[in-house]
Amino acid sequence: MSITKEDVQHLAKLSSISISEEQIEPLMKDLDSIVNYFSQLDELDTDGVEPTYQCFEMQNVWRDDEIEEFEANREDLLALTVESEDNQIKVPKVL
């Protein structure tokens, strides 16, 4: 696969970067080298090799969601606010 000038311009547009005409040719060569390097993987014989999704054993660690007592009560916390209304902290409108 050969990288074209249009490919580089398209990638630049998708990446929201501006490139000059002088930068296109070196980028074409660099991207072509990268793609060719990865295409070497196509030559590997992977018959009988199980797909690997992780290189090492990992698992999610979940814990039960438990309600714990908190030392402060609602009135003490509301007393620390600048303004409160109906037992809630009143904050400026954010749009």
PDB file of N, CA and C in Angstrom:
ATOM      1  N   MET A   1       0.849  -1.171   0.000  1.00  0.00           N
ATOM      2  CA  MET A   1       0.000   0.000   0.000  1.00  0.00           C
ATOM      3  C   MET A   1       0.895   1.235   0.000  1.00  0.00           C
ATOM      4  N   SER A   2       0.559   2.157  -0.840  1.00  0.00           N
ATOM      5  CA  SER A   2       1.351   3.376  -0.940  1.00  0.00           C
ATOM      6  C   SER A   2       0.523   4.555  -0.435  1.00  0.00           C
ATOM      7  N   ILE A   3       1.140   5.368   0.391  1.00  0.00           N
ATOM      8  CA  ILE A   3       0.472   6.541   0.950  1.00  0.00           C
ATOM      9  C   ILE A   3       0.534   7.668  -0.074  1.00  0.00           C
ATOM     10  N   THR A   4      -0.619   8.276  -0.351  1.00  0.00           N
ATOM     11  CA  THR A   4      -0.680   9.354  -1.331  1.00  0.00           C
ATOM     12  C   THR A   4      -0.734  10.709  -0.637  1.00  0.00           C
ATOM     13  N   LYS A   5      -0.564  11.730  -1.442  1.00  0.00           N
ATOM     14  CA  LYS A   5      -0.652  13.102  -0.945  1.00  0.00           C
ATOM     15  C   LYS A   5      -2.041  13.358  -0.361  1.00  0.00           C
ATOM     16  N   GLU A   6      -3.054  12.812  -1.028  1.00  0.00           N
ATOM     17  CA  GLU A   6      -4.435  12.986  -0.552  1.00  0.00           C
ATOM     18  C   GLU A   6      -4.637  12.300   0.798  1.00  0.00           C
ATOM     19  N   ASP A   7      -3.991  11.151   0.995  1.00  0.00           N
ATOM     20  CA  ASP A   7      -4.075  10.447   2.280  1.00  0.00           C
ATOM     21  C   ASP A   7      -3.516  11.321   3.404  1.00  0.00           C
ATOM     22  N   VAL A   8      -2.374  11.934   3.152  1.00  0.00           N
ATOM     23  CA  VAL A   8      -1.743  12.781   4.168  1.00  0.00           C
ATOM     24  C   VAL A   8      -2.622  13.990   4.457  1.00  0.00           C
ATOM     25  N   GLN A   9      -3.168  14.598   3.423  1.00  0.00           N
ATOM     26  CA  GLN A   9      -4.037  15.755   3.622  1.00  0.00           C
ATOM     27  C   GLN A   9      -5.304  15.362   4.374  1.00  0.00           C
ATOM     28  N   HIS A  10      -5.836  14.187   4.062  1.00  0.00           N
ATOM     29  CA  HIS A  10      -7.033  13.703   4.762  1.00  0.00           C
ATOM     30  C   HIS A  10      -6.731  13.446   6.240  1.00  0.00           C
ATOM     31  N   LEU A  11      -5.609  12.808   6.523  1.00  0.00           N
ATOM     32  CA  LEU A  11      -5.221  12.562   7.914  1.00  0.00           C
ATOM     33  C   LEU A  11      -5.000  13.871   8.668  1.00  0.00           C
ATOM     34  N   ALA A  12      -4.404  14.848   8.004  1.00  0.00           N
ATOM     35  CA  ALA A  12      -4.182  16.153   8.636  1.00  0.00           C
ATOM     36  C   ALA A  12      -5.516  16.812   8.955  1.00  0.00           C
ATOM     37  N   LYS A  13      -6.465  16.706   8.041  1.00  0.00           N
ATOM     38  CA  LYS A  13      -7.788  17.291   8.279  1.00  0.00           C
ATOM     39  C   LYS A  13      -8.490  16.601   9.450  1.00  0.00           C
ATOM     40  N   LEU A  14      -8.438  15.258   9.463  1.00  0.00           N
ATOM     41  CA  LEU A  14      -9.055  14.512  10.564  1.00  0.00           C
ATOM     42  C   LEU A  14      -8.404  14.828  11.906  1.00  0.00           C
ATOM     43  N   SER A  15      -7.100  15.125  11.867  1.00  0.00           N
ATOM     44  CA  SER A  15      -6.353  15.417  13.090  1.00  0.00           C
ATOM     45  C   SER A  15      -6.415  16.889  13.474  1.00  0.00           C
ATOM     46  N   SER A  16      -7.079  17.682  12.646  1.00  0.00           N
ATOM     47  CA  SER A  16      -7.192  19.124  12.880  1.00  0.00           C
ATOM     48  C   SER A  16      -5.827  19.794  12.992  1.00  0.00           C
ATOM     49  N   ILE A  17      -4.920  19.401  12.104  1.00  0.00           N
ATOM     50  CA  ILE A  17      -3.611  20.054  12.058  1.00  0.00           C
ATOM     51  C   ILE A  17      -3.403  20.604  10.651  1.00  0.00           C
ATOM     52  N   SER A  18      -2.648  21.667  10.571  1.00  0.00           N
ATOM     53  CA  SER A  18      -2.338  22.228   9.261  1.00  0.00           C
ATOM     54  C   SER A  18      -0.903  21.849   8.907  1.00  0.00           C
ATOM     55  N   ILE A  19      -0.719  21.443   7.670  1.00  0.00           N
ATOM     56  CA  ILE A  19       0.612  21.088   7.198  1.00  0.00           C
ATOM     57  C   ILE A  19       0.876  21.846   5.905  1.00  0.00           C
ATOM     58  N   SER A  20       2.124  22.189   5.704  1.00  0.00           N
ATOM     59  CA  SER A  20       2.504  22.899   4.487  1.00  0.00           C
ATOM     60  C   SER A  20       2.807  21.897   3.382  1.00  0.00           C
ATOM     61  N   GLU A  21       2.915  22.398   2.179  1.00  0.00           N
ATOM     62  CA  GLU A  21       3.233  21.541   1.029  1.00  0.00           C
ATOM     63  C   GLU A  21       4.589  20.866   1.207  1.00  0.00           C
ATOM     64  N   GLU A  22       5.540  21.565   1.847  1.00  0.00           N
ATOM     65  CA  GLU A  22       6.875  20.992   2.048  1.00  0.00           C
ATOM     66  C   GLU A  22       6.852  19.821   3.023  1.00  0.00           C
ATOM     67  N   GLN A  23       5.886  19.804   3.915  1.00  0.00           N
ATOM     68  CA  GLN A  23       5.806  18.754   4.929  1.00  0.00           C
ATOM     69  C   GLN A  23       5.129  17.484   4.408  1.00  0.00           C
ATOM     70  N   ILE A  24       4.402  17.601   3.314  1.00  0.00           N
ATOM     71  CA  ILE A  24       3.622  16.462   2.829  1.00  0.00           C
ATOM     72  C   ILE A  24       4.514  15.323   2.351  1.00  0.00           C
ATOM     73  N   GLU A  25       5.511  15.619   1.539  1.00  0.00           N
ATOM     74  CA  GLU A  25       6.375  14.569   0.993  1.00  0.00           C
ATOM     75  C   GLU A  25       7.095  13.767   2.074  1.00  0.00           C
ATOM     76  N   PRO A  26       7.742  14.427   3.065  1.00  0.00           N
ATOM     77  CA  PRO A  26       8.371  13.634   4.137  1.00  0.00           C
ATOM     78  C   PRO A  26       7.361  12.804   4.940  1.00  0.00           C
ATOM     79  N   LEU A  27       6.165  13.357   5.148  1.00  0.00           N
ATOM     80  CA  LEU A  27       5.140  12.604   5.874  1.00  0.00           C
ATOM     81  C   LEU A  27       4.673  11.397   5.068  1.00  0.00           C
ATOM     82  N   MET A  28       4.583  11.550   3.764  1.00  0.00           N
ATOM     83  CA  MET A  28       4.205  10.412   2.923  1.00  0.00           C
ATOM     84  C   MET A  28       5.201   9.280   3.087  1.00  0.00           C
ATOM     85  N   LYS A  29       6.489   9.622   3.079  1.00  0.00           N
ATOM     86  CA  LYS A  29       7.530   8.599   3.219  1.00  0.00           C
ATOM     87  C   LYS A  29       7.481   7.957   4.605  1.00  0.00           C
ATOM     88  N   ASP A  30       7.319   8.790   5.646  1.00  0.00           N
ATOM     89  CA  ASP A  30       7.272   8.260   7.013  1.00  0.00           C
ATOM     90  C   ASP A  30       6.068   7.344   7.213  1.00  0.00           C
ATOM     91  N   LEU A  31       4.903   7.784   6.768  1.00  0.00           N
ATOM     92  CA  LEU A  31       3.698   6.968   6.938  1.00  0.00           C
ATOM     93  C   LEU A  31       3.783   5.684   6.129  1.00  0.00           C
ATOM     94  N   ASP A  32       4.365   5.763   4.943  1.00  0.00           N
ATOM     95  CA  ASP A  32       4.540   4.567   4.119  1.00  0.00           C
ATOM     96  C   ASP A  32       5.470   3.569   4.810  1.00  0.00           C
ATOM     97  N   SER A  33       6.530   4.071   5.445  1.00  0.00           N
ATOM     98  CA  SER A  33       7.449   3.197   6.179  1.00  0.00           C
ATOM     99  C   SER A  33       6.746   2.529   7.360  1.00  0.00           C
ATOM    100  N   ILE A  34       5.920   3.279   8.047  1.00  0.00           N
ATOM    101  CA  ILE A  34       5.189   2.736   9.201  1.00  0.00           C
ATOM    102  C   ILE A  34       4.233   1.632   8.754  1.00  0.00           C
ATOM    103  N   VAL A  35       3.477   1.900   7.686  1.00  0.00           N
ATOM    104  CA  VAL A  35       2.518   0.910   7.192  1.00  0.00           C
ATOM    105  C   VAL A  35       3.256  -0.339   6.706  1.00  0.00           C
ATOM    106  N   ASN A  36       4.372  -0.157   6.011  1.00  0.00           N
ATOM    107  CA  ASN A  36       5.149  -1.308   5.537  1.00  0.00           C
ATOM    108  C   ASN A  36       5.716  -2.116   6.703  1.00  0.00           C
ATOM    109  N   TYR A  37       6.123  -1.432   7.757  1.00  0.00           N
ATOM    110  CA  TYR A  37       6.644  -2.134   8.930  1.00  0.00           C
ATOM    111  C   TYR A  37       5.562  -3.021   9.531  1.00  0.00           C
ATOM    112  N   PHE A  38       4.360  -2.483   9.663  1.00  0.00           N
ATOM    113  CA  PHE A  38       3.270  -3.273  10.243  1.00  0.00           C
ATOM    114  C   PHE A  38       2.804  -4.371   9.298  1.00  0.00           C
ATOM    115  N   SER A  39       2.975  -4.178   8.002  1.00  0.00           N
ATOM    116  CA  SER A  39       2.552  -5.214   7.063  1.00  0.00           C
ATOM    117  C   SER A  39       3.414  -6.463   7.189  1.00  0.00           C
ATOM    118  N   GLN A  40       4.566  -6.363   7.821  1.00  0.00           N
ATOM    119  CA  GLN A  40       5.401  -7.543   8.062  1.00  0.00           C
ATOM    120  C   GLN A  40       4.679  -8.552   8.941  1.00  0.00           C
ATOM    121  N   LEU A  41       3.733  -8.077   9.742  1.00  0.00           N
ATOM    122  CA  LEU A  41       2.974  -8.988  10.607  1.00  0.00           C
ATOM    123  C   LEU A  41       2.131  -9.960   9.787  1.00  0.00           C
ATOM    124  N   ASP A  42       1.766  -9.552   8.558  1.00  0.00           N
ATOM    125  CA  ASP A  42       0.976 -10.443   7.703  1.00  0.00           C
ATOM    126  C   ASP A  42       1.748 -11.692   7.322  1.00  0.00           C
ATOM    127  N   GLU A  43       3.064 -11.648   7.386  1.00  0.00           N
ATOM    128  CA  GLU A  43       3.895 -12.782   6.992  1.00  0.00           C
ATOM    129  C   GLU A  43       4.006 -13.842   8.091  1.00  0.00           C
ATOM    130  N   LEU A  44       3.589 -13.513   9.296  1.00  0.00           N
ATOM    131  CA  LEU A  44       3.700 -14.455  10.403  1.00  0.00           C
ATOM    132  C   LEU A  44       2.681 -15.577  10.274  1.00  0.00           C
ATOM    133  N   ASP A  45       3.105 -16.790  10.599  1.00  0.00           N
ATOM    134  CA  ASP A  45       2.208 -17.934  10.601  1.00  0.00           C
ATOM    135  C   ASP A  45       1.544 -18.017  11.974  1.00  0.00           C
ATOM    136  N   THR A  46       0.265 -17.716  12.000  1.00  0.00           N
ATOM    137  CA  THR A  46      -0.451 -17.696  13.279  1.00  0.00           C
ATOM    138  C   THR A  46      -1.460 -18.840  13.382  1.00  0.00           C
ATOM    139  N   ASP A  47      -1.320 -19.852  12.539  1.00  0.00           N
ATOM    140  CA  ASP A  47      -2.229 -20.993  12.618  1.00  0.00           C
ATOM    141  C   ASP A  47      -2.056 -21.694  13.959  1.00  0.00           C
ATOM    142  N   GLY A  48      -3.162 -21.963  14.620  1.00  0.00           N
ATOM    143  CA  GLY A  48      -3.125 -22.675  15.889  1.00  0.00           C
ATOM    144  C   GLY A  48      -2.773 -21.805  17.078  1.00  0.00           C
ATOM    145  N   VAL A  49      -2.629 -20.505  16.870  1.00  0.00           N
ATOM    146  CA  VAL A  49      -2.298 -19.607  17.980  1.00  0.00           C
ATOM    147  C   VAL A  49      -3.597 -18.986  18.485  1.00  0.00           C
ATOM    148  N   GLU A  50      -3.844 -19.185  19.766  1.00  0.00           N
ATOM    149  CA  GLU A  50      -5.050 -18.621  20.373  1.00  0.00           C
ATOM    150  C   GLU A  50      -4.931 -17.101  20.435  1.00  0.00           C
ATOM    151  N   PRO A  51      -6.007 -16.372  20.149  1.00  0.00           N
ATOM    152  CA  PRO A  51      -5.960 -14.914  20.283  1.00  0.00           C
ATOM    153  C   PRO A  51      -5.679 -14.521  21.726  1.00  0.00           C
ATOM    154  N   THR A  52      -4.870 -13.510  21.906  1.00  0.00           N
ATOM    155  CA  THR A  52      -4.533 -13.017  23.236  1.00  0.00           C
ATOM    156  C   THR A  52      -5.192 -11.663  23.428  1.00  0.00           C
ATOM    157  N   TYR A  53      -6.038 -11.590  24.406  1.00  0.00           N
ATOM    158  CA  TYR A  53      -6.716 -10.335  24.683  1.00  0.00           C
ATOM    159  C   TYR A  53      -5.991  -9.555  25.759  1.00  0.00           C
ATOM    160  N   GLN A  54      -5.257 -10.238  26.587  1.00  0.00           N
ATOM    161  CA  GLN A  54      -4.463  -9.629  27.652  1.00  0.00           C
ATOM    162  C   GLN A  54      -3.162 -10.398  27.759  1.00  0.00           C
ATOM    163  N   CYS A  55      -2.120  -9.695  28.068  1.00  0.00           N
ATOM    164  CA  CYS A  55      -0.815 -10.354  28.186  1.00  0.00           C
ATOM    165  C   CYS A  55      -0.616 -10.967  29.565  1.00  0.00           C
ATOM    166  N   PHE A  56      -1.335 -10.494  30.541  1.00  0.00           N
ATOM    167  CA  PHE A  56      -1.192 -11.028  31.893  1.00  0.00           C
ATOM    168  C   PHE A  56      -2.565 -11.102  32.527  1.00  0.00           C
ATOM    169  N   GLU A  57      -2.647 -11.917  33.554  1.00  0.00           N
ATOM    170  CA  GLU A  57      -3.922 -12.135  34.220  1.00  0.00           C
ATOM    171  C   GLU A  57      -4.414 -10.858  34.892  1.00  0.00           C
ATOM    172  N   MET A  58      -5.585 -10.445  34.507  1.00  0.00           N
ATOM    173  CA  MET A  58      -6.217  -9.286  35.135  1.00  0.00           C
ATOM    174  C   MET A  58      -7.694  -9.600  35.290  1.00  0.00           C
ATOM    175  N   GLN A  59      -8.263  -9.065  36.313  1.00  0.00           N
ATOM    176  CA  GLN A  59      -9.693  -9.191  36.475  1.00  0.00           C
ATOM    177  C   GLN A  59     -10.197  -7.958  37.200  1.00  0.00           C
ATOM    178  N   ASN A  60     -11.450  -7.648  36.957  1.00  0.00           N
ATOM    179  CA  ASN A  60     -12.047  -6.522  37.661  1.00  0.00           C
ATOM    180  C   ASN A  60     -12.243  -6.893  39.121  1.00  0.00           C
ATOM    181  N   VAL A  61     -11.976  -5.953  39.974  1.00  0.00           N
ATOM    182  CA  VAL A  61     -12.169  -6.173  41.393  1.00  0.00           C
ATOM    183  C   VAL A  61     -13.380  -5.345  41.810  1.00  0.00           C
ATOM    184  N   TRP A  62     -14.422  -6.032  42.145  1.00  0.00           N
ATOM    185  CA  TRP A  62     -15.652  -5.360  42.543  1.00  0.00           C
ATOM    186  C   TRP A  62     -15.863  -5.546  44.037  1.00  0.00           C
ATOM    187  N   ARG A  63     -16.462  -4.565  44.612  1.00  0.00           N
ATOM    188  CA  ARG A  63     -16.827  -4.685  46.012  1.00  0.00           C
ATOM    189  C   ARG A  63     -18.302  -4.350  46.145  1.00  0.00           C
ATOM    190  N   ASP A  64     -18.910  -4.836  47.209  1.00  0.00           N
ATOM    191  CA  ASP A  64     -20.300  -4.520  47.455  1.00  0.00           C
ATOM    192  C   ASP A  64     -20.427  -3.039  47.791  1.00  0.00           C
ATOM    193  N   ASP A  65     -21.470  -2.432  47.283  1.00  0.00           N
ATOM    194  CA  ASP A  65     -21.736  -1.035  47.565  1.00  0.00           C
ATOM    195  C   ASP A  65     -22.418  -0.956  48.926  1.00  0.00           C
ATOM    196  N   GLU A  66     -21.706  -0.393  49.888  1.00  0.00           N
ATOM    197  CA  GLU A  66     -22.231  -0.333  51.247  1.00  0.00           C
ATOM    198  C   GLU A  66     -22.350   1.124  51.687  1.00  0.00           C
ATOM    199  N   ILE A  67     -23.419   1.422  52.343  1.00  0.00           N
ATOM    200  CA  ILE A  67     -23.604   2.759  52.901  1.00  0.00           C
ATOM    201  C   ILE A  67     -22.895   2.821  54.235  1.00  0.00           C
ATOM    202  N   GLU A  68     -22.000   3.805  54.369  1.00  0.00           N
ATOM    203  CA  GLU A  68     -21.252   3.956  55.613  1.00  0.00           C
ATOM    204  C   GLU A  68     -21.690   5.235  56.307  1.00  0.00           C
ATOM    205  N   GLU A  69     -21.649   5.198  57.602  1.00  0.00           N
ATOM    206  CA  GLU A  69     -21.988   6.377  58.381  1.00  0.00           C
ATOM    207  C   GLU A  69     -20.933   7.455  58.182  1.00  0.00           C
ATOM    208  N   PHE A  70     -21.387   8.691  58.086  1.00  0.00           N
ATOM    209  CA  PHE A  70     -20.500   9.825  57.917  1.00  0.00           C
ATOM    210  C   PHE A  70     -20.609  10.663  59.181  1.00  0.00           C
ATOM    211  N   GLU A  71     -19.494  11.151  59.684  1.00  0.00           N
ATOM    212  CA  GLU A  71     -19.495  11.816  60.986  1.00  0.00           C
ATOM    213  C   GLU A  71     -20.255  13.138  61.004  1.00  0.00           C
ATOM    214  N   ALA A  72     -20.309  13.845  59.893  1.00  0.00           N
ATOM    215  CA  ALA A  72     -21.004  15.136  59.866  1.00  0.00           C
ATOM    216  C   ALA A  72     -22.470  14.912  59.558  1.00  0.00           C
ATOM    217  N   ASN A  73     -23.299  15.778  60.108  1.00  0.00           N
ATOM    218  CA  ASN A  73     -24.719  15.672  59.789  1.00  0.00           C
ATOM    219  C   ASN A  73     -25.106  16.786  58.807  1.00  0.00           C
ATOM    220  N   ARG A  74     -26.289  16.674  58.249  1.00  0.00           N
ATOM    221  CA  ARG A  74     -26.741  17.593  57.208  1.00  0.00           C
ATOM    222  C   ARG A  74     -26.711  19.049  57.677  1.00  0.00           C
ATOM    223  N   GLU A  75     -27.156  19.315  58.882  1.00  0.00           N
ATOM    224  CA  GLU A  75     -27.223  20.696  59.379  1.00  0.00           C
ATOM    225  C   GLU A  75     -25.832  21.316  59.498  1.00  0.00           C
ATOM    226  N   ASP A  76     -24.854  20.524  59.959  1.00  0.00           N
ATOM    227  CA  ASP A  76     -23.486  21.032  60.075  1.00  0.00           C
ATOM    228  C   ASP A  76     -22.906  21.357  58.699  1.00  0.00           C
ATOM    229  N   LEU A  77     -23.164  20.514  57.727  1.00  0.00           N
ATOM    230  CA  LEU A  77     -22.650  20.749  56.379  1.00  0.00           C
ATOM    231  C   LEU A  77     -23.326  21.954  55.730  1.00  0.00           C
ATOM    232  N   LEU A  78     -24.644  22.071  55.901  1.00  0.00           N
ATOM    233  CA  LEU A  78     -25.351  23.220  55.325  1.00  0.00           C
ATOM    234  C   LEU A  78     -24.909  24.527  55.975  1.00  0.00           C
ATOM    235  N   ALA A  79     -24.494  24.472  57.223  1.00  0.00           N
ATOM    236  CA  ALA A  79     -24.022  25.672  57.916  1.00  0.00           C
ATOM    237  C   ALA A  79     -22.714  26.187  57.319  1.00  0.00           C
ATOM    238  N   LEU A  80     -21.969  25.338  56.646  1.00  0.00           N
ATOM    239  CA  LEU A  80     -20.702  25.741  56.036  1.00  0.00           C
ATOM    240  C   LEU A  80     -20.880  26.415  54.676  1.00  0.00           C
ATOM    241  N   THR A  81     -22.066  26.342  54.098  1.00  0.00           N
ATOM    242  CA  THR A  81     -22.278  26.887  52.761  1.00  0.00           C
ATOM    243  C   THR A  81     -22.569  28.375  52.808  1.00  0.00           C
ATOM    244  N   VAL A  82     -22.385  29.022  51.674  1.00  0.00           N
ATOM    245  CA  VAL A  82     -22.683  30.450  51.571  1.00  0.00           C
ATOM    246  C   VAL A  82     -24.183  30.670  51.579  1.00  0.00           C
ATOM    247  N   GLU A  83     -24.886  29.799  50.836  1.00  0.00           N
ATOM    248  CA  GLU A  83     -26.335  29.944  50.754  1.00  0.00           C
ATOM    249  C   GLU A  83     -26.986  28.578  50.609  1.00  0.00           C
ATOM    250  N   SER A  84     -28.088  28.385  51.314  1.00  0.00           N
ATOM    251  CA  SER A  84     -28.825  27.129  51.191  1.00  0.00           C
ATOM    252  C   SER A  84     -30.309  27.431  51.140  1.00  0.00           C
ATOM    253  N   GLU A  85     -31.037  26.458  50.579  1.00  0.00           N
ATOM    254  CA  GLU A  85     -32.478  26.628  50.454  1.00  0.00           C
ATOM    255  C   GLU A  85     -33.130  25.254  50.450  1.00  0.00           C
ATOM    256  N   ASP A  86     -34.174  25.073  51.226  1.00  0.00           N
ATOM    257  CA  ASP A  86     -34.901  23.808  51.317  1.00  0.00           C
ATOM    258  C   ASP A  86     -33.981  22.629  51.613  1.00  0.00           C
ATOM    259  N   ASN A  87     -33.069  22.826  52.556  1.00  0.00           N
ATOM    260  CA  ASN A  87     -32.161  21.765  52.990  1.00  0.00           C
ATOM    261  C   ASN A  87     -31.176  21.330  51.896  1.00  0.00           C
ATOM    262  N   GLN A  88     -30.905  22.228  50.939  1.00  0.00           N
ATOM    263  CA  GLN A  88     -29.984  21.958  49.854  1.00  0.00           C
ATOM    264  C   GLN A  88     -29.027  23.137  49.693  1.00  0.00           C
ATOM    265  N   ILE A  89     -27.850  22.852  49.138  1.00  0.00           N
ATOM    266  CA  ILE A  89     -26.855  23.903  48.890  1.00  0.00           C
ATOM    267  C   ILE A  89     -27.278  24.643  47.619  1.00  0.00           C
ATOM    268  N   LYS A  90     -27.327  25.955  47.690  1.00  0.00           N
ATOM    269  CA  LYS A  90     -27.712  26.763  46.536  1.00  0.00           C
ATOM    270  C   LYS A  90     -26.427  27.250  45.853  1.00  0.00           C
ATOM    271  N   VAL A  91     -26.340  26.992  44.552  1.00  0.00           N
ATOM    272  CA  VAL A  91     -25.161  27.377  43.783  1.00  0.00           C
ATOM    273  C   VAL A  91     -25.582  28.232  42.595  1.00  0.00           C
ATOM    274  N   PRO A  92     -24.644  28.999  42.019  1.00  0.00           N
ATOM    275  CA  PRO A  92     -24.985  29.800  40.852  1.00  0.00           C
ATOM    276  C   PRO A  92     -25.352  28.907  39.664  1.00  0.00           C
ATOM    277  N   LYS A  93     -26.216  29.425  38.803  1.00  0.00           N
ATOM    278  CA  LYS A  93     -26.626  28.693  37.605  1.00  0.00           C
ATOM    279  C   LYS A  93     -25.430  28.579  36.651  1.00  0.00           C
ATOM    280  N   VAL A  94     -25.211  27.390  36.130  1.00  0.00           N
ATOM    281  CA  VAL A  94     -24.115  27.154  35.204  1.00  0.00           C
ATOM    282  C   VAL A  94     -24.704  26.654  33.891  1.00  0.00           C
ATOM    283  N   LEU A  95     -24.414  27.340  32.826  1.00  0.00           N
ATOM    284  CA  LEU A  95     -24.941  26.931  31.513  1.00  0.00           C
ATOM    285  C   LEU A  95     -23.810  26.566  30.601  1.00  0.00           C
TER     286      LEU A  95
END
